[in-house]
Amino acid sequence: MKDDLRYILGGTALGAALGALVGWLYARQRQTTGQGAPGRRRGVDSRRVMRLVWSLIGLVRQVLELA
């Protein structure tokens, strides 16, 4: 795999993960200030979120290490 393509794929996966995290934090902040949809409040297990984050980091590392 070409080096350029490897870094593009790694950056894409990392950008998607960071975008999802920021979107989740923003939605959570809006709910605490009362601006979110009142009927859609659900708790998110922080352990599951951290497991997802570590899995995505592992995925990015594997993509970057492809030879």
C-alpha atoms as a PDB file:
ATOM      1  CA  MET A   1       0.000   0.000   0.000  1.00  0.00           C
ATOM      2  CA  LYS A   2       1.333   3.425  -0.867  1.00  0.00           C
ATOM      3  CA  ASP A   3       2.378   5.611   2.048  1.00  0.00           C
ATOM      4  CA  ASP A   4       0.099   8.456   0.959  1.00  0.00           C
ATOM      5  CA  LEU A   5      -2.972   6.241   0.860  1.00  0.00           C
ATOM      6  CA  ARG A   6      -2.131   4.718   4.228  1.00  0.00           C
ATOM      7  CA  TYR A   7      -1.942   8.145   5.879  1.00  0.00           C
ATOM      8  CA  ILE A   8      -5.133   9.287   4.157  1.00  0.00           C
ATOM      9  CA  LEU A   9      -7.037   6.241   5.444  1.00  0.00           C
ATOM     10  CA  GLY A  10      -5.613   6.648   8.947  1.00  0.00           C
ATOM     11  CA  GLY A  11      -6.514  10.339   8.990  1.00  0.00           C
ATOM     12  CA  THR A  12     -10.004   9.576   7.751  1.00  0.00           C
ATOM     13  CA  ALA A  13     -10.649   7.026  10.494  1.00  0.00           C
ATOM     14  CA  LEU A  14      -9.203   9.324  13.151  1.00  0.00           C
ATOM     15  CA  GLY A  15     -11.210  12.311  11.896  1.00  0.00           C
ATOM     16  CA  ALA A  16     -14.428  10.297  11.916  1.00  0.00           C
ATOM     17  CA  ALA A  17     -13.794   9.131  15.472  1.00  0.00           C
ATOM     18  CA  LEU A  18     -13.015  12.644  16.699  1.00  0.00           C
ATOM     19  CA  GLY A  19     -16.026  14.078  14.892  1.00  0.00           C
ATOM     20  CA  ALA A  20     -18.341  11.527  16.476  1.00  0.00           C
ATOM     21  CA  LEU A  21     -16.891  12.232  19.910  1.00  0.00           C
ATOM     22  CA  VAL A  22     -17.276  16.002  19.568  1.00  0.00           C
ATOM     23  CA  GLY A  23     -20.828  15.592  18.252  1.00  0.00           C
ATOM     24  CA  TRP A  24     -21.733  13.373  21.185  1.00  0.00           C
ATOM     25  CA  LEU A  25     -20.238  15.846  23.677  1.00  0.00           C
ATOM     26  CA  TYR A  26     -22.072  18.744  22.022  1.00  0.00           C
ATOM     27  CA  ALA A  27     -25.407  16.902  22.129  1.00  0.00           C
ATOM     28  CA  ARG A  28     -24.832  16.003  25.757  1.00  0.00           C
ATOM     29  CA  GLN A  29     -24.032  19.617  26.629  1.00  0.00           C
ATOM     30  CA  ARG A  30     -27.217  20.818  24.930  1.00  0.00           C
ATOM     31  CA  GLN A  31     -29.304  18.329  26.891  1.00  0.00           C
ATOM     32  CA  THR A  32     -27.886  19.501  30.207  1.00  0.00           C
ATOM     33  CA  THR A  33     -28.727  23.125  29.387  1.00  0.00           C
ATOM     34  CA  GLY A  34     -32.286  22.166  28.406  1.00  0.00           C
ATOM     35  CA  GLN A  35     -31.949  22.930  24.697  1.00  0.00           C
ATOM     36  CA  GLY A  36     -32.107  19.347  23.452  1.00  0.00           C
ATOM     37  CA  ALA A  37     -35.147  17.293  22.593  1.00  0.00           C
ATOM     38  CA  PRO A  38     -36.884  16.466  25.905  1.00  0.00           C
ATOM     39  CA  GLY A  39     -38.034  12.963  24.973  1.00  0.00           C
ATOM     40  CA  ARG A  40     -34.680  11.696  23.715  1.00  0.00           C
ATOM     41  CA  ARG A  41     -32.594  11.601  26.889  1.00  0.00           C
ATOM     42  CA  ARG A  42     -30.733   8.349  27.298  1.00  0.00           C
ATOM     43  CA  GLY A  43     -27.752   7.519  29.407  1.00  0.00           C
ATOM     44  CA  VAL A  44     -24.578   6.413  27.663  1.00  0.00           C
ATOM     45  CA  ASP A  45     -22.327   3.950  29.419  1.00  0.00           C
ATOM     46  CA  SER A  46     -18.898   5.579  29.635  1.00  0.00           C
ATOM     47  CA  ARG A  47     -17.207   2.160  29.631  1.00  0.00           C
ATOM     48  CA  ARG A  48     -18.733   1.352  26.265  1.00  0.00           C
ATOM     49  CA  VAL A  49     -17.656   4.729  24.892  1.00  0.00           C
ATOM     50  CA  MET A  50     -14.080   4.206  26.066  1.00  0.00           C
ATOM     51  CA  ARG A  51     -14.064   0.681  24.600  1.00  0.00           C
ATOM     52  CA  LEU A  52     -15.181   2.170  21.289  1.00  0.00           C
ATOM     53  CA  VAL A  53     -12.487   4.857  21.428  1.00  0.00           C
ATOM     54  CA  TRP A  54      -9.756   2.296  22.122  1.00  0.00           C
ATOM     55  CA  SER A  55     -11.049   0.088  19.304  1.00  0.00           C
ATOM     56  CA  LEU A  56     -10.921   2.993  16.879  1.00  0.00           C
ATOM     57  CA  ILE A  57      -7.394   3.865  17.965  1.00  0.00           C
ATOM     58  CA  GLY A  58      -6.410   0.253  17.351  1.00  0.00           C
ATOM     59  CA  LEU A  59      -8.019   0.382  13.914  1.00  0.00           C
ATOM     60  CA  VAL A  60      -6.098   3.535  12.999  1.00  0.00           C
ATOM     61  CA  ARG A  61      -2.829   1.942  14.148  1.00  0.00           C
ATOM     62  CA  GLN A  62      -3.493  -1.166  12.073  1.00  0.00           C
ATOM     63  CA  VAL A  63      -4.273   0.891   8.963  1.00  0.00           C
ATOM     64  CA  LEU A  64      -1.109   2.935   9.403  1.00  0.00           C
ATOM     65  CA  GLU A  65       1.014  -0.219   9.834  1.00  0.00           C
ATOM     66  CA  LEU A  66      -0.172  -1.896   6.615  1.00  0.00           C
ATOM     67  CA  ALA A  67       2.757  -2.703   4.402  1.00  0.00           C
END
